[in-house]
PDB file of N, CA and C in Angstrom:
ATOM      1  N   MET A   1     -25.269   0.500  39.345  1.00  0.00           N
ATOM      2  CA  MET A   1     -25.756  -0.915  39.694  1.00  0.00           C
ATOM      3  C   MET A   1     -27.229  -0.775  39.597  1.00  0.00           C
ATOM      4  N   ARG A   2     -28.155  -0.022  39.564  1.00  0.00           N
ATOM      5  CA  ARG A   2     -29.274   0.223  39.433  1.00  0.00           C
ATOM      6  C   ARG A   2     -29.778  -0.174  37.820  1.00  0.00           C
ATOM      7  N   TRP A   3     -28.757   0.464  36.797  1.00  0.00           N
ATOM      8  CA  TRP A   3     -28.922   0.146  35.386  1.00  0.00           C
ATOM      9  C   TRP A   3     -28.708  -1.342  35.143  1.00  0.00           C
ATOM     10  N   SER A   4     -27.619  -1.759  35.588  1.00  0.00           N
ATOM     11  CA  SER A   4     -27.335  -3.263  35.689  1.00  0.00           C
ATOM     12  C   SER A   4     -28.113  -4.070  35.861  1.00  0.00           C
ATOM     13  N   ALA A   5     -28.680  -3.958  37.108  1.00  0.00           N
ATOM     14  CA  ALA A   5     -29.915  -4.799  37.510  1.00  0.00           C
ATOM     15  C   ALA A   5     -31.283  -4.637  36.732  1.00  0.00           C
ATOM     16  N   LEU A   6     -31.412  -3.638  36.025  1.00  0.00           N
ATOM     17  CA  LEU A   6     -32.510  -3.358  35.376  1.00  0.00           C
ATOM     18  C   LEU A   6     -32.271  -4.124  33.931  1.00  0.00           C
ATOM     19  N   LEU A   7     -31.059  -3.946  33.450  1.00  0.00           N
ATOM     20  CA  LEU A   7     -30.734  -4.525  31.899  1.00  0.00           C
ATOM     21  C   LEU A   7     -30.735  -6.237  32.083  1.00  0.00           C
ATOM     22  N   LEU A   8     -30.366  -6.633  33.299  1.00  0.00           N
ATOM     23  CA  LEU A   8     -30.024  -7.833  33.564  1.00  0.00           C
ATOM     24  C   LEU A   8     -31.506  -8.670  33.630  1.00  0.00           C
ATOM     25  N   SER A   9     -32.513  -7.674  34.240  1.00  0.00           N
ATOM     26  CA  SER A   9     -33.800  -8.232  34.744  1.00  0.00           C
ATOM     27  C   SER A   9     -34.490  -9.117  33.692  1.00  0.00           C
ATOM     28  N   GLY A  10     -34.367  -8.802  32.256  1.00  0.00           N
ATOM     29  CA  GLY A  10     -35.050  -9.286  31.213  1.00  0.00           C
ATOM     30  C   GLY A  10     -34.159 -10.490  30.810  1.00  0.00           C
ATOM     31  N   CYS A  11     -33.103 -10.524  31.048  1.00  0.00           N
ATOM     32  CA  CYS A  11     -32.465 -11.936  30.586  1.00  0.00           C
ATOM     33  C   CYS A  11     -32.360 -13.143  31.061  1.00  0.00           C
ATOM     34  N   VAL A  12     -32.633 -14.185  30.075  1.00  0.00           N
ATOM     35  CA  VAL A  12     -33.085 -15.521  30.739  1.00  0.00           C
ATOM     36  C   VAL A  12     -31.550 -16.333  30.572  1.00  0.00           C
ATOM     37  N   SER A  13     -31.242 -17.136  31.642  1.00  0.00           N
ATOM     38  CA  SER A  13     -29.817 -17.922  31.638  1.00  0.00           C
ATOM     39  C   SER A  13     -30.423 -19.410  31.575  1.00  0.00           C
ATOM     40  N   SER A  14     -29.515 -20.247  30.751  1.00  0.00           N
ATOM     41  CA  SER A  14     -29.413 -21.415  30.973  1.00  0.00           C
ATOM     42  C   SER A  14     -28.720 -22.162  31.594  1.00  0.00           C
ATOM     43  N   GLN A  15     -27.802 -21.134  32.127  1.00  0.00           N
ATOM     44  CA  GLN A  15     -27.010 -21.780  33.403  1.00  0.00           C
ATOM     45  C   GLN A  15     -26.803 -20.723  34.408  1.00  0.00           C
ATOM     46  N   PRO A  16     -26.564 -21.284  35.539  1.00  0.00           N
ATOM     47  CA  PRO A  16     -27.003 -20.526  36.531  1.00  0.00           C
ATOM     48  C   PRO A  16     -25.641 -19.533  36.600  1.00  0.00           C
ATOM     49  N   GLY A  17     -25.817 -18.162  36.832  1.00  0.00           N
ATOM     50  CA  GLY A  17     -24.734 -17.106  36.794  1.00  0.00           C
ATOM     51  C   GLY A  17     -24.140 -16.642  35.262  1.00  0.00           C
ATOM     52  N   LEU A  18     -25.025 -17.210  34.064  1.00  0.00           N
ATOM     53  CA  LEU A  18     -24.419 -16.952  33.147  1.00  0.00           C
ATOM     54  C   LEU A  18     -25.841 -16.366  32.302  1.00  0.00           C
ATOM     55  N   PRO A  19     -26.067 -14.944  32.417  1.00  0.00           N
ATOM     56  CA  PRO A  19     -27.245 -14.097  31.771  1.00  0.00           C
ATOM     57  C   PRO A  19     -26.948 -14.319  30.197  1.00  0.00           C
ATOM     58  N   THR A  20     -28.027 -14.531  29.481  1.00  0.00           N
ATOM     59  CA  THR A  20     -28.230 -14.529  28.126  1.00  0.00           C
ATOM     60  C   THR A  20     -28.714 -13.352  27.818  1.00  0.00           C
ATOM     61  N   LEU A  21     -28.900 -12.764  26.506  1.00  0.00           N
ATOM     62  CA  LEU A  21     -29.414 -11.484  25.942  1.00  0.00           C
ATOM     63  C   LEU A  21     -31.147 -12.298  25.748  1.00  0.00           C
ATOM     64  N   PRO A  22     -32.025 -11.356  25.832  1.00  0.00           N
ATOM     65  CA  PRO A  22     -33.302 -11.483  25.732  1.00  0.00           C
ATOM     66  C   PRO A  22     -33.868 -11.978  24.271  1.00  0.00           C
ATOM     67  N   LYS A  23     -34.676 -12.887  23.822  1.00  0.00           N
ATOM     68  CA  LYS A  23     -35.255 -13.183  22.632  1.00  0.00           C
ATOM     69  C   LYS A  23     -35.723 -11.936  21.738  1.00  0.00           C
ATOM     70  N   ILE A  24     -35.214 -11.797  20.659  1.00  0.00           N
ATOM     71  CA  ILE A  24     -35.954 -10.338  19.810  1.00  0.00           C
ATOM     72  C   ILE A  24     -36.697 -11.092  18.974  1.00  0.00           C
ATOM     73  N   THR A  25     -37.879 -10.690  19.113  1.00  0.00           N
ATOM     74  CA  THR A  25     -38.562 -11.164  17.754  1.00  0.00           C
ATOM     75  C   THR A  25     -38.807  -9.919  16.814  1.00  0.00           C
ATOM     76  N   GLU A  26     -39.354 -10.710  15.596  1.00  0.00           N
ATOM     77  CA  GLU A  26     -39.339  -9.854  14.418  1.00  0.00           C
ATOM     78  C   GLU A  26     -40.114  -8.536  14.411  1.00  0.00           C
ATOM     79  N   GLY A  27     -39.577  -7.531  14.275  1.00  0.00           N
ATOM     80  CA  GLY A  27     -40.118  -6.116  14.317  1.00  0.00           C
ATOM     81  C   GLY A  27     -39.594  -5.223  15.070  1.00  0.00           C
ATOM     82  N   GLN A  28     -38.706  -5.743  16.120  1.00  0.00           N
ATOM     83  CA  GLN A  28     -38.045  -5.111  17.006  1.00  0.00           C
ATOM     84  C   GLN A  28     -36.751  -4.334  16.714  1.00  0.00           C
ATOM     85  N   MET A  29     -36.258  -4.933  15.489  1.00  0.00           N
ATOM     86  CA  MET A  29     -34.854  -4.362  14.998  1.00  0.00           C
ATOM     87  C   MET A  29     -35.248  -4.015  13.648  1.00  0.00           C
ATOM     88  N   ARG A  30     -34.249  -2.927  13.252  1.00  0.00           N
ATOM     89  CA  ARG A  30     -34.637  -2.613  11.886  1.00  0.00           C
ATOM     90  C   ARG A  30     -33.393  -3.515  11.059  1.00  0.00           C
ATOM     91  N   PRO A  31     -33.993  -3.916   9.894  1.00  0.00           N
ATOM     92  CA  PRO A  31     -32.919  -5.033   9.298  1.00  0.00           C
ATOM     93  C   PRO A  31     -31.599  -4.320   8.897  1.00  0.00           C
ATOM     94  N   TYR A  32     -30.639  -4.971   9.233  1.00  0.00           N
ATOM     95  CA  TYR A  32     -29.200  -4.760   8.600  1.00  0.00           C
ATOM     96  C   TYR A  32     -29.298  -4.630   7.049  1.00  0.00           C
ATOM     97  N   ARG A  33     -28.748  -3.262   6.434  1.00  0.00           N
ATOM     98  CA  ARG A  33     -28.866  -3.626   4.851  1.00  0.00           C
ATOM     99  C   ARG A  33     -27.448  -4.637   4.359  1.00  0.00           C
ATOM    100  N   VAL A  34     -27.791  -5.466   3.403  1.00  0.00           N
ATOM    101  CA  VAL A  34     -26.560  -6.261   2.838  1.00  0.00           C
ATOM    102  C   VAL A  34     -27.079  -5.848   1.444  1.00  0.00           C
ATOM    103  N   SER A  35     -25.959  -5.310   0.611  1.00  0.00           N
ATOM    104  CA  SER A  35     -25.999  -4.994  -0.537  1.00  0.00           C
ATOM    105  C   SER A  35     -25.696  -6.460  -1.611  1.00  0.00           C
ATOM    106  N   GLY A  36     -26.103  -6.548  -2.614  1.00  0.00           N
ATOM    107  CA  GLY A  36     -25.730  -7.699  -3.703  1.00  0.00           C
ATOM    108  C   GLY A  36     -24.145  -7.724  -4.123  1.00  0.00           C
ATOM    109  N   ALA A  37     -23.985  -6.681  -3.917  1.00  0.00           N
ATOM    110  CA  ALA A  37     -22.211  -6.517  -4.342  1.00  0.00           C
ATOM    111  C   ALA A  37     -21.673  -5.449  -3.355  1.00  0.00           C
ATOM    112  N   GLY A  38     -20.655  -5.438  -3.011  1.00  0.00           N
ATOM    113  CA  GLY A  38     -19.736  -4.197  -2.202  1.00  0.00           C
ATOM    114  C   GLY A  38     -20.086  -3.011  -2.905  1.00  0.00           C
ATOM    115  N   GLU A  39     -20.318  -1.910  -1.748  1.00  0.00           N
ATOM    116  CA  GLU A  39     -20.769  -0.529  -2.351  1.00  0.00           C
ATOM    117  C   GLU A  39     -19.699   0.334  -1.393  1.00  0.00           C
ATOM    118  N   LEU A  40     -19.460   1.499  -1.774  1.00  0.00           N
ATOM    119  CA  LEU A  40     -18.738   2.605  -0.776  1.00  0.00           C
ATOM    120  C   LEU A  40     -19.279   3.844  -0.730  1.00  0.00           C
ATOM    121  N   VAL A  41     -19.776   4.255   0.074  1.00  0.00           N
ATOM    122  CA  VAL A  41     -20.295   5.411   0.172  1.00  0.00           C
ATOM    123  C   VAL A  41     -19.116   6.481   0.857  1.00  0.00           C
ATOM    124  N   LEU A  42     -19.215   8.007   0.096  1.00  0.00           N
ATOM    125  CA  LEU A  42     -18.023   8.422   0.504  1.00  0.00           C
ATOM    126  C   LEU A  42     -18.145   9.825   0.995  1.00  0.00           C
ATOM    127  N   HIS A  43     -17.967  10.293   2.009  1.00  0.00           N
ATOM    128  CA  HIS A  43     -18.067  11.929   2.667  1.00  0.00           C
ATOM    129  C   HIS A  43     -16.820  12.421   2.545  1.00  0.00           C
ATOM    130  N   CYS A  44     -16.875  13.336   1.950  1.00  0.00           N
ATOM    131  CA  CYS A  44     -15.103  13.959   1.355  1.00  0.00           C
ATOM    132  C   CYS A  44     -15.266  15.794   1.678  1.00  0.00           C
ATOM    133  N   ALA A  45     -14.358  15.995   1.943  1.00  0.00           N
ATOM    134  CA  ALA A  45     -13.882  17.431   2.133  1.00  0.00           C
ATOM    135  C   ALA A  45     -12.487  17.518   1.331  1.00  0.00           C
ATOM    136  N   PRO A  46     -12.650  18.340   0.142  1.00  0.00           N
ATOM    137  CA  PRO A  46     -14.041  18.809  -0.116  1.00  0.00           C
ATOM    138  C   PRO A  46     -14.702  17.765  -0.886  1.00  0.00           C
ATOM    139  N   ALA A  47     -16.105  18.300  -1.023  1.00  0.00           N
ATOM    140  CA  ALA A  47     -17.048  17.435  -1.813  1.00  0.00           C
ATOM    141  C   ALA A  47     -16.858  17.377  -3.323  1.00  0.00           C
ATOM    142  N   ASP A  48     -16.272  18.226  -3.895  1.00  0.00           N
ATOM    143  CA  ASP A  48     -16.315  18.063  -5.310  1.00  0.00           C
ATOM    144  C   ASP A  48     -14.609  17.437  -5.942  1.00  0.00           C
ATOM    145  N   ALA A  49     -14.316  16.849  -4.662  1.00  0.00           N
ATOM    146  CA  ALA A  49     -13.081  15.904  -5.014  1.00  0.00           C
ATOM    147  C   ALA A  49     -13.288  14.724  -6.462  1.00  0.00           C
ATOM    148  N   GLU A  50     -12.415  14.429  -6.792  1.00  0.00           N
ATOM    149  CA  GLU A  50     -12.578  13.442  -7.897  1.00  0.00           C
ATOM    150  C   GLU A  50     -12.358  12.030  -7.504  1.00  0.00           C
ATOM    151  N   VAL A  51     -13.201  10.851  -7.501  1.00  0.00           N
ATOM    152  CA  VAL A  51     -12.971   9.675  -7.239  1.00  0.00           C
ATOM    153  C   VAL A  51     -12.842   8.578  -8.205  1.00  0.00           C
ATOM    154  N   ALA A  52     -11.590   7.733  -7.956  1.00  0.00           N
ATOM    155  CA  ALA A  52     -10.981   6.831  -9.270  1.00  0.00           C
ATOM    156  C   ALA A  52     -11.084   5.348  -8.638  1.00  0.00           C
ATOM    157  N   LEU A  53     -11.563   4.591  -9.458  1.00  0.00           N
ATOM    158  CA  LEU A  53     -11.382   3.380  -8.645  1.00  0.00           C
ATOM    159  C   LEU A  53     -10.568   2.633  -9.565  1.00  0.00           C
ATOM    160  N   ASP A  54      -9.595   1.816  -9.321  1.00  0.00           N
ATOM    161  CA  ASP A  54      -8.664   1.279  -9.920  1.00  0.00           C
ATOM    162  C   ASP A  54      -8.095   1.858 -10.968  1.00  0.00           C
ATOM    163  N   GLY A  55      -7.806   3.682 -10.962  1.00  0.00           N
ATOM    164  CA  GLY A  55      -7.363   4.282 -11.874  1.00  0.00           C
ATOM    165  C   GLY A  55      -8.504   4.875 -12.805  1.00  0.00           C
ATOM    166  N   VAL A  56      -9.419   4.477 -12.643  1.00  0.00           N
ATOM    167  CA  VAL A  56     -10.770   5.087 -13.522  1.00  0.00           C
ATOM    168  C   VAL A  56     -11.694   5.820 -12.869  1.00  0.00           C
ATOM    169  N   THR A  57     -11.423   7.121 -13.505  1.00  0.00           N
ATOM    170  CA  THR A  57     -12.313   8.011 -12.729  1.00  0.00           C
ATOM    171  C   THR A  57     -14.120   7.647 -12.830  1.00  0.00           C
ATOM    172  N   GLN A  58     -14.636   7.752 -11.543  1.00  0.00           N
ATOM    173  CA  GLN A  58     -16.099   7.543 -11.365  1.00  0.00           C
ATOM    174  C   GLN A  58     -16.789   8.652 -11.209  1.00  0.00           C
ATOM    175  N   GLY A  59     -16.407   9.586 -10.847  1.00  0.00           N
ATOM    176  CA  GLY A  59     -17.158  10.803 -10.781  1.00  0.00           C
ATOM    177  C   GLY A  59     -16.470  11.386  -9.712  1.00  0.00           C
ATOM    178  N   LEU A  60     -17.703  12.540  -8.671  1.00  0.00           N
ATOM    179  CA  LEU A  60     -17.284  13.273  -7.683  1.00  0.00           C
ATOM    180  C   LEU A  60     -17.613  12.794  -6.354  1.00  0.00           C
ATOM    181  N   CYS A  61     -17.043  12.742  -5.134  1.00  0.00           N
ATOM    182  CA  CYS A  61     -17.624  12.376  -4.302  1.00  0.00           C
ATOM    183  C   CYS A  61     -18.647  12.823  -3.917  1.00  0.00           C
ATOM    184  N   SER A  62     -19.436  13.960  -4.060  1.00  0.00           N
ATOM    185  CA  SER A  62     -20.698  14.142  -4.003  1.00  0.00           C
ATOM    186  C   SER A  62     -21.960  13.155  -4.291  1.00  0.00           C
ATOM    187  N   ASP A  63     -21.273  12.314  -5.552  1.00  0.00           N
ATOM    188  CA  ASP A  63     -22.037  11.280  -6.185  1.00  0.00           C
ATOM    189  C   ASP A  63     -22.039  10.382  -5.586  1.00  0.00           C
ATOM    190  N   PHE A  64     -21.565  10.230  -4.666  1.00  0.00           N
ATOM    191  CA  PHE A  64     -21.562   8.567  -3.736  1.00  0.00           C
ATOM    192  C   PHE A  64     -21.506   9.145  -2.504  1.00  0.00           C
ATOM    193  N   SER A  65     -22.471  10.021  -1.786  1.00  0.00           N
ATOM    194  CA  SER A  65     -22.685  10.283  -0.344  1.00  0.00           C
ATOM    195  C   SER A  65     -23.780   9.792   0.361  1.00  0.00           C
ATOM    196  N   GLY A  66     -24.139   8.798  -0.218  1.00  0.00           N
ATOM    197  CA  GLY A  66     -25.310   7.865   0.390  1.00  0.00           C
ATOM    198  C   GLY A  66     -26.412   7.665  -0.365  1.00  0.00           C
ATOM    199  N   GLU A  67     -27.410   7.207   0.241  1.00  0.00           N
ATOM    200  CA  GLU A  67     -28.958   6.471  -0.416  1.00  0.00           C
ATOM    201  C   GLU A  67     -29.138   7.598  -1.274  1.00  0.00           C
ATOM    202  N   PRO A  68     -29.613   7.050  -2.535  1.00  0.00           N
ATOM    203  CA  PRO A  68     -29.564   5.608  -2.842  1.00  0.00           C
ATOM    204  C   PRO A  68     -28.111   5.799  -3.664  1.00  0.00           C
ATOM    205  N   HIS A  69     -27.331   6.768  -3.628  1.00  0.00           N
ATOM    206  CA  HIS A  69     -26.252   6.473  -4.376  1.00  0.00           C
ATOM    207  C   HIS A  69     -24.680   6.298  -3.533  1.00  0.00           C
ATOM    208  N   ALA A  70     -24.202   5.124  -4.093  1.00  0.00           N
ATOM    209  CA  ALA A  70     -22.886   4.494  -3.594  1.00  0.00           C
ATOM    210  C   ALA A  70     -22.223   4.034  -4.945  1.00  0.00           C
ATOM    211  N   LEU A  71     -20.934   4.218  -4.532  1.00  0.00           N
ATOM    212  CA  LEU A  71     -20.055   3.445  -5.681  1.00  0.00           C
ATOM    213  C   LEU A  71     -20.126   2.000  -5.509  1.00  0.00           C
ATOM    214  N   LYS A  72     -20.500   1.436  -6.493  1.00  0.00           N
ATOM    215  CA  LYS A  72     -20.297  -0.190  -6.643  1.00  0.00           C
ATOM    216  C   LYS A  72     -19.113  -0.401  -6.950  1.00  0.00           C
ATOM    217  N   VAL A  73     -18.491  -1.348  -5.956  1.00  0.00           N
ATOM    218  CA  VAL A  73     -17.160  -1.724  -5.962  1.00  0.00           C
ATOM    219  C   VAL A  73     -16.755  -3.204  -6.160  1.00  0.00           C
ATOM    220  N   GLY A  74     -17.882  -4.195  -6.350  1.00  0.00           N
ATOM    221  CA  GLY A  74     -17.917  -5.142  -6.297  1.00  0.00           C
ATOM    222  C   GLY A  74     -17.321  -6.085  -5.178  1.00  0.00           C
ATOM    223  N   GLU A  75     -16.497  -7.141  -5.273  1.00  0.00           N
ATOM    224  CA  GLU A  75     -16.161  -7.757  -4.337  1.00  0.00           C
ATOM    225  C   GLU A  75     -14.922  -8.333  -4.068  1.00  0.00           C
ATOM    226  N   LYS A  76     -13.921  -7.826  -5.021  1.00  0.00           N
ATOM    227  CA  LYS A  76     -12.243  -8.451  -4.645  1.00  0.00           C
ATOM    228  C   LYS A  76     -11.867  -6.825  -4.282  1.00  0.00           C
ATOM    229  N   ALA A  77     -10.735  -6.945  -4.166  1.00  0.00           N
ATOM    230  CA  ALA A  77      -9.986  -5.646  -3.471  1.00  0.00           C
ATOM    231  C   ALA A  77      -9.752  -4.768  -4.781  1.00  0.00           C
ATOM    232  N   ARG A  78     -10.028  -3.364  -4.512  1.00  0.00           N
ATOM    233  CA  ARG A  78      -9.949  -2.442  -5.234  1.00  0.00           C
ATOM    234  C   ARG A  78      -9.387  -1.474  -4.675  1.00  0.00           C
ATOM    235  N   ARG A  79      -8.398  -0.241  -5.544  1.00  0.00           N
ATOM    236  CA  ARG A  79      -7.663   0.632  -5.074  1.00  0.00           C
ATOM    237  C   ARG A  79      -8.503   1.800  -5.613  1.00  0.00           C
ATOM    238  N   VAL A  80      -9.052   2.338  -4.374  1.00  0.00           N
ATOM    239  CA  VAL A  80      -9.831   3.960  -4.331  1.00  0.00           C
ATOM    240  C   VAL A  80      -8.784   4.869  -4.274  1.00  0.00           C
ATOM    241  N   GLU A  81      -9.045   5.976  -5.071  1.00  0.00           N
ATOM    242  CA  GLU A  81      -8.270   7.155  -4.714  1.00  0.00           C
ATOM    243  C   GLU A  81      -9.506   8.693  -4.945  1.00  0.00           C
ATOM    244  N   VAL A  82      -9.244   9.364  -4.059  1.00  0.00           N
ATOM    245  CA  VAL A  82      -9.797  10.663  -4.024  1.00  0.00           C
ATOM    246  C   VAL A  82      -8.876  11.658  -4.346  1.00  0.00           C
ATOM    247  N   LYS A  83      -8.982  12.700  -5.269  1.00  0.00           N
ATOM    248  CA  LYS A  83      -8.152  13.523  -5.424  1.00  0.00           C
ATOM    249  C   LYS A  83      -8.990  14.930  -6.138  1.00  0.00           C
ATOM    250  N   LYS A  84      -7.962  16.027  -5.971  1.00  0.00           N
ATOM    251  CA  LYS A  84      -8.438  17.188  -6.402  1.00  0.00           C
ATOM    252  C   LYS A  84      -6.943  18.186  -6.366  1.00  0.00           C
ATOM    253  N   SER A  85      -7.140  19.174  -7.457  1.00  0.00           N
ATOM    254  CA  SER A  85      -5.557  19.879  -7.619  1.00  0.00           C
ATOM    255  C   SER A  85      -5.682  20.982  -6.559  1.00  0.00           C
ATOM    256  N   GLY A  86      -4.376  21.008  -6.072  1.00  0.00           N
ATOM    257  CA  GLY A  86      -4.221  21.688  -4.697  1.00  0.00           C
ATOM    258  C   GLY A  86      -4.342  20.832  -3.318  1.00  0.00           C
ATOM    259  N   PHE A  87      -4.503  19.585  -3.555  1.00  0.00           N
ATOM    260  CA  PHE A  87      -4.697  18.769  -2.386  1.00  0.00           C
ATOM    261  C   PHE A  87      -3.830  17.295  -2.593  1.00  0.00           C
ATOM    262  N   VAL A  88      -3.458  16.788  -1.185  1.00  0.00           N
ATOM    263  CA  VAL A  88      -2.599  15.832  -1.457  1.00  0.00           C
ATOM    264  C   VAL A  88      -3.664  14.630  -1.690  1.00  0.00           C
ATOM    265  N   THR A  89      -3.461  13.501  -2.749  1.00  0.00           N
ATOM    266  CA  THR A  89      -4.215  12.567  -2.926  1.00  0.00           C
ATOM    267  C   THR A  89      -4.223  11.471  -2.008  1.00  0.00           C
ATOM    268  N   TRP A  90      -5.733  11.064  -1.680  1.00  0.00           N
ATOM    269  CA  TRP A  90      -5.536  10.219  -0.684  1.00  0.00           C
ATOM    270  C   TRP A  90      -5.907   8.469  -1.010  1.00  0.00           C
ATOM    271  N   GLU A  91      -5.449   7.461  -0.920  1.00  0.00           N
ATOM    272  CA  GLU A  91      -5.564   6.254  -1.612  1.00  0.00           C
ATOM    273  C   GLU A  91      -5.593   5.423  -0.678  1.00  0.00           C
ATOM    274  N   SER A  92      -6.569   4.216  -0.888  1.00  0.00           N
ATOM    275  CA  SER A  92      -6.800   3.021  -0.153  1.00  0.00           C
ATOM    276  C   SER A  92      -7.045   1.600  -0.919  1.00  0.00           C
ATOM    277  N   TRP A  93      -6.857   0.839  -0.283  1.00  0.00           N
ATOM    278  CA  TRP A  93      -7.623  -0.234  -0.815  1.00  0.00           C
ATOM    279  C   TRP A  93      -8.605  -0.826   0.149  1.00  0.00           C
ATOM    280  N   LEU A  94      -9.853  -1.373  -0.711  1.00  0.00           N
ATOM    281  CA  LEU A  94     -10.878  -1.939  -0.105  1.00  0.00           C
ATOM    282  C   LEU A  94     -11.455  -3.330  -0.907  1.00  0.00           C
ATOM    283  N   ALA A  95     -11.616  -4.047   0.041  1.00  0.00           N
ATOM    284  CA  ALA A  95     -12.300  -5.085  -0.205  1.00  0.00           C
ATOM    285  C   ALA A  95     -13.591  -5.232   0.670  1.00  0.00           C
ATOM    286  N   ALA A  96     -14.796  -4.815  -0.116  1.00  0.00           N
ATOM    287  CA  ALA A  96     -16.148  -4.509   0.355  1.00  0.00           C
ATOM    288  C   ALA A  96     -17.092  -5.869   0.720  1.00  0.00           C
ATOM    289  N   ASP A  97     -16.761  -6.785  -0.129  1.00  0.00           N
ATOM    290  CA  ASP A  97     -17.173  -8.166  -0.034  1.00  0.00           C
ATOM    291  C   ASP A  97     -18.868  -8.049   0.430  1.00  0.00           C
ATOM    292  N   GLN A  98     -19.592  -7.808  -0.357  1.00  0.00           N
ATOM    293  CA  GLN A  98     -21.124  -7.731  -0.164  1.00  0.00           C
ATOM    294  C   GLN A  98     -21.615  -6.883   0.770  1.00  0.00           C
ATOM    295  N   THR A  99     -20.771  -5.862   1.219  1.00  0.00           N
ATOM    296  CA  THR A  99     -21.204  -4.875   2.208  1.00  0.00           C
ATOM    297  C   THR A  99     -21.264  -3.413   1.742  1.00  0.00           C
ATOM    298  N   ARG A 100     -21.678  -2.549   2.601  1.00  0.00           N
ATOM    299  CA  ARG A 100     -21.772  -1.163   2.325  1.00  0.00           C
ATOM    300  C   ARG A 100     -20.708  -0.645   3.098  1.00  0.00           C
ATOM    301  N   VAL A 101     -19.563   0.088   2.699  1.00  0.00           N
ATOM    302  CA  VAL A 101     -18.709   0.610   3.812  1.00  0.00           C
ATOM    303  C   VAL A 101     -19.007   2.217   3.331  1.00  0.00           C
ATOM    304  N   VAL A 102     -18.775   2.912   4.704  1.00  0.00           N
ATOM    305  CA  VAL A 102     -18.921   4.299   4.920  1.00  0.00           C
ATOM    306  C   VAL A 102     -17.513   5.081   5.131  1.00  0.00           C
ATOM    307  N   MET A 103     -17.126   5.488   4.367  1.00  0.00           N
ATOM    308  CA  MET A 103     -15.641   6.674   4.905  1.00  0.00           C
ATOM    309  C   MET A 103     -15.765   7.845   4.720  1.00  0.00           C
ATOM    310  N   THR A 104     -15.044   8.281   5.258  1.00  0.00           N
ATOM    311  CA  THR A 104     -15.055  10.251   5.679  1.00  0.00           C
ATOM    312  C   THR A 104     -13.525  10.218   5.265  1.00  0.00           C
ATOM    313  N   VAL A 105     -13.342  11.183   3.944  1.00  0.00           N
ATOM    314  CA  VAL A 105     -12.041  11.645   3.503  1.00  0.00           C
ATOM    315  C   VAL A 105     -11.851  13.092   3.504  1.00  0.00           C
ATOM    316  N   THR A 106     -10.799  13.612   4.168  1.00  0.00           N
ATOM    317  CA  THR A 106     -10.743  14.933   4.537  1.00  0.00           C
ATOM    318  C   THR A 106      -9.383  15.027   3.580  1.00  0.00           C
ATOM    319  N   LEU A 107      -9.239  15.835   2.589  1.00  0.00           N
ATOM    320  CA  LEU A 107      -8.029  15.789   1.845  1.00  0.00           C
ATOM    321  C   LEU A 107      -6.990  17.048   2.442  1.00  0.00           C
ATOM    322  N   LEU A 108      -5.767  17.202   2.688  1.00  0.00           N
ATOM    323  CA  LEU A 108      -5.155  18.007   3.126  1.00  0.00           C
ATOM    324  C   LEU A 108      -4.574  18.790   1.919  1.00  0.00           C
ATOM    325  N   PRO A 109      -4.269  20.105   2.162  1.00  0.00           N
ATOM    326  CA  PRO A 109      -3.941  21.001   1.160  1.00  0.00           C
ATOM    327  C   PRO A 109      -2.365  20.604   0.997  1.00  0.00           C
ATOM    328  N   SER A 110      -1.914  20.516  -0.351  1.00  0.00           N
ATOM    329  CA  SER A 110      -0.794  20.145  -0.648  1.00  0.00           C
ATOM    330  C   SER A 110       0.366  21.198  -0.281  1.00  0.00           C
ATOM    331  N   GLY A 111       1.626  21.095   0.137  1.00  0.00           N
ATOM    332  CA  GLY A 111       2.199  21.972   0.781  1.00  0.00           C
ATOM    333  C   GLY A 111       3.128  23.003  -0.427  1.00  0.00           C
ATOM    334  N   GLY A 112       3.266  22.392  -1.540  1.00  0.00           N
ATOM    335  CA  GLY A 112       3.912  23.014  -2.666  1.00  0.00           C
ATOM    336  C   GLY A 112       3.540  24.609  -3.206  1.00  0.00           C
ATOM    337  N   SER A 113       4.257  25.006  -3.663  1.00  0.00           N
ATOM    338  CA  SER A 113       3.859  26.574  -3.736  1.00  0.00           C
ATOM    339  C   SER A 113       3.619  26.554  -5.277  1.00  0.00           C
ATOM    340  N   PRO A 114       2.867  27.572  -5.635  1.00  0.00           N
ATOM    341  CA  PRO A 114       1.968  27.777  -6.956  1.00  0.00           C
ATOM    342  C   PRO A 114       3.124  28.207  -8.265  1.00  0.00           C
TER     343      PRO A 114
END
């Protein structure tokens, strides 16, 4: 009760009984990062797994682990694969559409015998 009263005390209501959020002025919040084209940040285990976009090798997961390195995927739906010998290949479809998507991928060891 004490916290809710504190949180709502700064709210301004345009209608009785309906609190609204306080107005946020410039400089109070960090700006949200929007990229010009879709980007994918990958955190993988193992980090040296290979990344392919629509069947074309792009590099290793460690190459696309964050600022300023991200995989440019554009705005249409793309097939992303993460693979390494001795592990089950991970595959998914992604439509980043002018945003930065962050994914964590953990490859499972393959069950086949050597």
